[in-house]
Amino acid sequence: MALELKVPSMVCDGCVETVTKAIKTVESEAGVDINLETKMVKVDAKASPESIKQAITASGHTIE
């Protein structure tokens, strides 16, 4: 299942790493593609969208 999220709180490569790690804690096999310029996160995972969103917000980031 592909999921696209806007994460406006990402401002640097460290943020990208934090968000990627958060998603990987939900599903280690998830495909994660992040564009820092547009602040878009594309996730290809079997996990529910809700669990992925929760992991990102738990890491301290906001989702629009």
PDB file of N, CA and C in Angstrom:
ATOM      1  N   MET A   1       0.837  -1.178   0.000  1.00  0.00           N
ATOM      2  CA  MET A   1       0.000   0.000   0.000  1.00  0.00           C
ATOM      3  C   MET A   1       0.882   1.241   0.000  1.00  0.00           C
ATOM      4  N   ALA A   2       0.637   2.116  -0.946  1.00  0.00           N
ATOM      5  CA  ALA A   2       1.416   3.347  -1.024  1.00  0.00           C
ATOM      6  C   ALA A   2       0.689   4.459  -0.272  1.00  0.00           C
ATOM      7  N   LEU A   3       1.476   5.209   0.466  1.00  0.00           N
ATOM      8  CA  LEU A   3       0.922   6.290   1.278  1.00  0.00           C
ATOM      9  C   LEU A   3       1.784   7.526   1.063  1.00  0.00           C
ATOM     10  N   GLU A   4       1.146   8.680   0.825  1.00  0.00           N
ATOM     11  CA  GLU A   4       1.886   9.931   0.680  1.00  0.00           C
ATOM     12  C   GLU A   4       1.458  10.876   1.781  1.00  0.00           C
ATOM     13  N   LEU A   5       2.458  11.416   2.482  1.00  0.00           N
ATOM     14  CA  LEU A   5       2.185  12.331   3.589  1.00  0.00           C
ATOM     15  C   LEU A   5       3.038  13.582   3.454  1.00  0.00           C
ATOM     16  N   LYS A   6       2.480  14.726   3.836  1.00  0.00           N
ATOM     17  CA  LYS A   6       3.266  15.956   3.888  1.00  0.00           C
ATOM     18  C   LYS A   6       3.701  16.146   5.341  1.00  0.00           C
ATOM     19  N   VAL A   7       5.021  16.240   5.546  1.00  0.00           N
ATOM     20  CA  VAL A   7       5.584  16.390   6.884  1.00  0.00           C
ATOM     21  C   VAL A   7       6.357  17.719   6.909  1.00  0.00           C
ATOM     22  N   PRO A   8       5.638  18.831   7.173  1.00  0.00           N
ATOM     23  CA  PRO A   8       6.258  20.161   7.069  1.00  0.00           C
ATOM     24  C   PRO A   8       7.339  20.439   8.113  1.00  0.00           C
ATOM     25  N   SER A   9       7.416  19.642   9.157  1.00  0.00           N
ATOM     26  CA  SER A   9       8.403  19.893  10.208  1.00  0.00           C
ATOM     27  C   SER A   9       9.805  19.396   9.847  1.00  0.00           C
ATOM     28  N   MET A  10       9.949  18.702   8.718  1.00  0.00           N
ATOM     29  CA  MET A  10      11.284  18.242   8.295  1.00  0.00           C
ATOM     30  C   MET A  10      12.056  19.415   7.698  1.00  0.00           C
ATOM     31  N   VAL A  11      13.250  19.668   8.243  1.00  0.00           N
ATOM     32  CA  VAL A  11      14.044  20.789   7.741  1.00  0.00           C
ATOM     33  C   VAL A  11      15.470  20.405   7.344  1.00  0.00           C
ATOM     34  N   CYS A  12      15.910  19.192   7.687  1.00  0.00           N
ATOM     35  CA  CYS A  12      17.291  18.807   7.397  1.00  0.00           C
ATOM     36  C   CYS A  12      17.395  17.298   7.201  1.00  0.00           C
ATOM     37  N   ASP A  13      18.596  16.847   6.844  1.00  0.00           N
ATOM     38  CA  ASP A  13      18.815  15.411   6.637  1.00  0.00           C
ATOM     39  C   ASP A  13      18.600  14.621   7.920  1.00  0.00           C
ATOM     40  N   GLY A  14      18.861  15.238   9.064  1.00  0.00           N
ATOM     41  CA  GLY A  14      18.622  14.585  10.348  1.00  0.00           C
ATOM     42  C   GLY A  14      17.147  14.279  10.543  1.00  0.00           C
ATOM     43  N   CYS A  15      16.305  15.216  10.121  1.00  0.00           N
ATOM     44  CA  CYS A  15      14.851  15.018  10.203  1.00  0.00           C
ATOM     45  C   CYS A  15      14.426  13.859   9.305  1.00  0.00           C
ATOM     46  N   VAL A  16      14.996  13.806   8.113  1.00  0.00           N
ATOM     47  CA  VAL A  16      14.683  12.736   7.165  1.00  0.00           C
ATOM     48  C   VAL A  16      15.043  11.391   7.792  1.00  0.00           C
ATOM     49  N   GLU A  17      16.204  11.331   8.435  1.00  0.00           N
ATOM     50  CA  GLU A  17      16.648  10.092   9.077  1.00  0.00           C
ATOM     51  C   GLU A  17      15.710   9.700  10.221  1.00  0.00           C
ATOM     52  N   THR A  18      15.300  10.685  11.018  1.00  0.00           N
ATOM     53  CA  THR A  18      14.396  10.426  12.141  1.00  0.00           C
ATOM     54  C   THR A  18      13.065   9.864  11.655  1.00  0.00           C
ATOM     55  N   VAL A  19      12.498  10.477  10.615  1.00  0.00           N
ATOM     56  CA  VAL A  19      11.215  10.029  10.066  1.00  0.00           C
ATOM     57  C   VAL A  19      11.362   8.627   9.465  1.00  0.00           C
ATOM     58  N   THR A  20      12.459   8.394   8.750  1.00  0.00           N
ATOM     59  CA  THR A  20      12.697   7.073   8.156  1.00  0.00           C
ATOM     60  C   THR A  20      12.782   6.010   9.242  1.00  0.00           C
ATOM     61  N   LYS A  21      13.546   6.288  10.294  1.00  0.00           N
ATOM     62  CA  LYS A  21      13.685   5.325  11.398  1.00  0.00           C
ATOM     63  C   LYS A  21      12.341   5.061  12.064  1.00  0.00           C
ATOM     64  N   ALA A  22      11.532   6.106  12.232  1.00  0.00           N
ATOM     65  CA  ALA A  22      10.217   5.957  12.863  1.00  0.00           C
ATOM     66  C   ALA A  22       9.340   5.013  12.041  1.00  0.00           C
ATOM     67  N   ILE A  23       9.352   5.186  10.722  1.00  0.00           N
ATOM     68  CA  ILE A  23       8.554   4.331   9.845  1.00  0.00           C
ATOM     69  C   ILE A  23       9.070   2.894   9.903  1.00  0.00           C
ATOM     70  N   LYS A  24      10.396   2.733   9.915  1.00  0.00           N
ATOM     71  CA  LYS A  24      11.003   1.398   9.937  1.00  0.00           C
ATOM     72  C   LYS A  24      10.731   0.660  11.257  1.00  0.00           C
ATOM     73  N   THR A  25      10.418   1.397  12.333  1.00  0.00           N
ATOM     74  CA  THR A  25      10.067   0.715  13.588  1.00  0.00           C
ATOM     75  C   THR A  25       8.702   0.050  13.472  1.00  0.00           C
ATOM     76  N   VAL A  26       7.837   0.607  12.630  1.00  0.00           N
ATOM     77  CA  VAL A  26       6.516   0.023  12.403  1.00  0.00           C
ATOM     78  C   VAL A  26       6.641  -1.175  11.469  1.00  0.00           C
ATOM     79  N   GLU A  27       7.402  -0.990  10.399  1.00  0.00           N
ATOM     80  CA  GLU A  27       7.607  -2.081   9.428  1.00  0.00           C
ATOM     81  C   GLU A  27       9.009  -1.960   8.839  1.00  0.00           C
ATOM     82  N   SER A  28       9.868  -2.888   9.234  1.00  0.00           N
ATOM     83  CA  SER A  28      11.281  -2.811   8.834  1.00  0.00           C
ATOM     84  C   SER A  28      11.479  -2.945   7.322  1.00  0.00           C
ATOM     85  N   GLU A  29      10.534  -3.595   6.647  1.00  0.00           N
ATOM     86  CA  GLU A  29      10.654  -3.799   5.199  1.00  0.00           C
ATOM     87  C   GLU A  29      10.026  -2.670   4.382  1.00  0.00           C
ATOM     88  N   ALA A  30       9.501  -1.665   5.036  1.00  0.00           N
ATOM     89  CA  ALA A  30       8.803  -0.585   4.331  1.00  0.00           C
ATOM     90  C   ALA A  30       9.746   0.158   3.394  1.00  0.00           C
ATOM     91  N   GLY A  31       9.207   0.539   2.240  1.00  0.00           N
ATOM     92  CA  GLY A  31       9.958   1.379   1.315  1.00  0.00           C
ATOM     93  C   GLY A  31       9.655   2.835   1.652  1.00  0.00           C
ATOM     94  N   VAL A  32      10.705   3.606   1.886  1.00  0.00           N
ATOM     95  CA  VAL A  32      10.516   5.003   2.282  1.00  0.00           C
ATOM     96  C   VAL A  32      11.255   5.901   1.301  1.00  0.00           C
ATOM     97  N   ASP A  33      10.540   6.865   0.729  1.00  0.00           N
ATOM     98  CA  ASP A  33      11.140   7.834  -0.194  1.00  0.00           C
ATOM     99  C   ASP A  33      10.741   9.217   0.290  1.00  0.00           C
ATOM    100  N   ILE A  34      11.743  10.008   0.668  1.00  0.00           N
ATOM    101  CA  ILE A  34      11.457  11.332   1.230  1.00  0.00           C
ATOM    102  C   ILE A  34      12.095  12.414   0.376  1.00  0.00           C
ATOM    103  N   ASN A  35      11.281  13.411   0.013  1.00  0.00           N
ATOM    104  CA  ASN A  35      11.769  14.585  -0.705  1.00  0.00           C
ATOM    105  C   ASN A  35      11.768  15.745   0.281  1.00  0.00           C
ATOM    106  N   LEU A  36      12.958  16.155   0.718  1.00  0.00           N
ATOM    107  CA  LEU A  36      13.064  17.207   1.734  1.00  0.00           C
ATOM    108  C   LEU A  36      12.582  18.552   1.205  1.00  0.00           C
ATOM    109  N   GLU A  37      12.805  18.817  -0.108  1.00  0.00           N
ATOM    110  CA  GLU A  37      12.387  20.094  -0.687  1.00  0.00           C
ATOM    111  C   GLU A  37      10.876  20.283  -0.620  1.00  0.00           C
ATOM    112  N   THR A  38      10.129  19.237  -0.998  1.00  0.00           N
ATOM    113  CA  THR A  38       8.673  19.340  -1.005  1.00  0.00           C
ATOM    114  C   THR A  38       8.058  18.874   0.318  1.00  0.00           C
ATOM    115  N   LYS A  39       8.918  18.278   1.178  1.00  0.00           N
ATOM    116  CA  LYS A  39       8.505  17.754   2.488  1.00  0.00           C
ATOM    117  C   LYS A  39       7.484  16.615   2.365  1.00  0.00           C
ATOM    118  N   MET A  40       7.581  15.884   1.246  1.00  0.00           N
ATOM    119  CA  MET A  40       6.687  14.761   1.006  1.00  0.00           C
ATOM    120  C   MET A  40       7.371  13.448   1.378  1.00  0.00           C
ATOM    121  N   VAL A  41       6.607  12.608   2.057  1.00  0.00           N
ATOM    122  CA  VAL A  41       7.088  11.286   2.453  1.00  0.00           C
ATOM    123  C   VAL A  41       6.224  10.253   1.741  1.00  0.00           C
ATOM    124  N   LYS A  42       6.861   9.397   0.962  1.00  0.00           N
ATOM    125  CA  LYS A  42       6.148   8.307   0.290  1.00  0.00           C
ATOM    126  C   LYS A  42       6.542   7.010   0.982  1.00  0.00           C
ATOM    127  N   VAL A  43       5.541   6.274   1.406  1.00  0.00           N
ATOM    128  CA  VAL A  43       5.775   5.022   2.122  1.00  0.00           C
ATOM    129  C   VAL A  43       5.063   3.892   1.393  1.00  0.00           C
ATOM    130  N   ASP A  44       5.800   2.828   1.139  1.00  0.00           N
ATOM    131  CA  ASP A  44       5.208   1.626   0.559  1.00  0.00           C
ATOM    132  C   ASP A  44       5.315   0.545   1.627  1.00  0.00           C
ATOM    133  N   ALA A  45       4.190   0.253   2.291  1.00  0.00           N
ATOM    134  CA  ALA A  45       4.224  -0.659   3.436  1.00  0.00           C
ATOM    135  C   ALA A  45       2.915  -1.426   3.557  1.00  0.00           C
ATOM    136  N   LYS A  46       2.981  -2.518   4.296  1.00  0.00           N
ATOM    137  CA  LYS A  46       1.782  -3.301   4.588  1.00  0.00           C
ATOM    138  C   LYS A  46       1.087  -2.794   5.844  1.00  0.00           C
ATOM    139  N   ALA A  47       1.822  -2.048   6.669  1.00  0.00           N
ATOM    140  CA  ALA A  47       1.276  -1.527   7.921  1.00  0.00           C
ATOM    141  C   ALA A  47       0.160  -0.515   7.633  1.00  0.00           C
ATOM    142  N   SER A  48      -0.709  -0.315   8.598  1.00  0.00           N
ATOM    143  CA  SER A  48      -1.826   0.617   8.407  1.00  0.00           C
ATOM    144  C   SER A  48      -1.322   2.056   8.347  1.00  0.00           C
ATOM    145  N   PRO A  49      -1.996   2.888   7.552  1.00  0.00           N
ATOM    146  CA  PRO A  49      -1.604   4.307   7.481  1.00  0.00           C
ATOM    147  C   PRO A  49      -1.600   4.956   8.867  1.00  0.00           C
ATOM    148  N   GLU A  50      -2.552   4.565   9.703  1.00  0.00           N
ATOM    149  CA  GLU A  50      -2.653   5.146  11.046  1.00  0.00           C
ATOM    150  C   GLU A  50      -1.409   4.841  11.877  1.00  0.00           C
ATOM    151  N   SER A  51      -0.919   3.610  11.810  1.00  0.00           N
ATOM    152  CA  SER A  51       0.260   3.253  12.607  1.00  0.00           C
ATOM    153  C   SER A  51       1.504   3.984  12.110  1.00  0.00           C
ATOM    154  N   ILE A  52       1.594   4.212  10.808  1.00  0.00           N
ATOM    155  CA  ILE A  52       2.734   4.951  10.260  1.00  0.00           C
ATOM    156  C   ILE A  52       2.662   6.413  10.686  1.00  0.00           C
ATOM    157  N   LYS A  53       1.463   7.001  10.610  1.00  0.00           N
ATOM    158  CA  LYS A  53       1.289   8.398  11.043  1.00  0.00           C
ATOM    159  C   LYS A  53       1.630   8.550  12.524  1.00  0.00           C
ATOM    160  N   GLN A  54       1.194   7.601  13.339  1.00  0.00           N
ATOM    161  CA  GLN A  54       1.487   7.651  14.778  1.00  0.00           C
ATOM    162  C   GLN A  54       2.979   7.603  15.035  1.00  0.00           C
ATOM    163  N   ALA A  55       3.694   6.764  14.302  1.00  0.00           N
ATOM    164  CA  ALA A  55       5.146   6.649  14.482  1.00  0.00           C
ATOM    165  C   ALA A  55       5.844   7.961  14.132  1.00  0.00           C
ATOM    166  N   ILE A  56       5.390   8.611  13.056  1.00  0.00           N
ATOM    167  CA  ILE A  56       6.002   9.882  12.637  1.00  0.00           C
ATOM    168  C   ILE A  56       5.735  10.968  13.680  1.00  0.00           C
ATOM    169  N   THR A  57       4.497  11.070  14.150  1.00  0.00           N
ATOM    170  CA  THR A  57       4.191  12.098  15.154  1.00  0.00           C
ATOM    171  C   THR A  57       4.879  11.796  16.482  1.00  0.00           C
ATOM    172  N   ALA A  58       5.040  10.511  16.809  1.00  0.00           N
ATOM    173  CA  ALA A  58       5.739  10.145  18.047  1.00  0.00           C
ATOM    174  C   ALA A  58       7.211  10.527  17.989  1.00  0.00           C
ATOM    175  N   SER A  59       7.757  10.637  16.772  1.00  0.00           N
ATOM    176  CA  SER A  59       9.159  11.020  16.631  1.00  0.00           C
ATOM    177  C   SER A  59       9.334  12.541  16.713  1.00  0.00           C
ATOM    178  N   GLY A  60       8.223  13.258  16.906  1.00  0.00           N
ATOM    179  CA  GLY A  60       8.294  14.704  17.103  1.00  0.00           C
ATOM    180  C   GLY A  60       7.977  15.520  15.872  1.00  0.00           C
ATOM    181  N   HIS A  61       7.467  14.887  14.829  1.00  0.00           N
ATOM    182  CA  HIS A  61       7.164  15.613  13.588  1.00  0.00           C
ATOM    183  C   HIS A  61       5.653  15.752  13.401  1.00  0.00           C
ATOM    184  N   THR A  62       5.296  16.758  12.586  1.00  0.00           N
ATOM    185  CA  THR A  62       3.891  17.028  12.327  1.00  0.00           C
ATOM    186  C   THR A  62       3.527  16.558  10.910  1.00  0.00           C
ATOM    187  N   ILE A  63       2.285  16.152  10.764  1.00  0.00           N
ATOM    188  CA  ILE A  63       1.777  15.709   9.462  1.00  0.00           C
ATOM    189  C   ILE A  63       0.604  16.599   9.083  1.00  0.00           C
ATOM    190  N   GLU A  64       0.592  17.033   7.831  1.00  0.00           N
ATOM    191  CA  GLU A  64      -0.547  17.837   7.339  1.00  0.00           C
ATOM    192  C   GLU A  64      -1.526  16.957   6.612  1.00  0.00           C
TER     193      GLU A  64
END
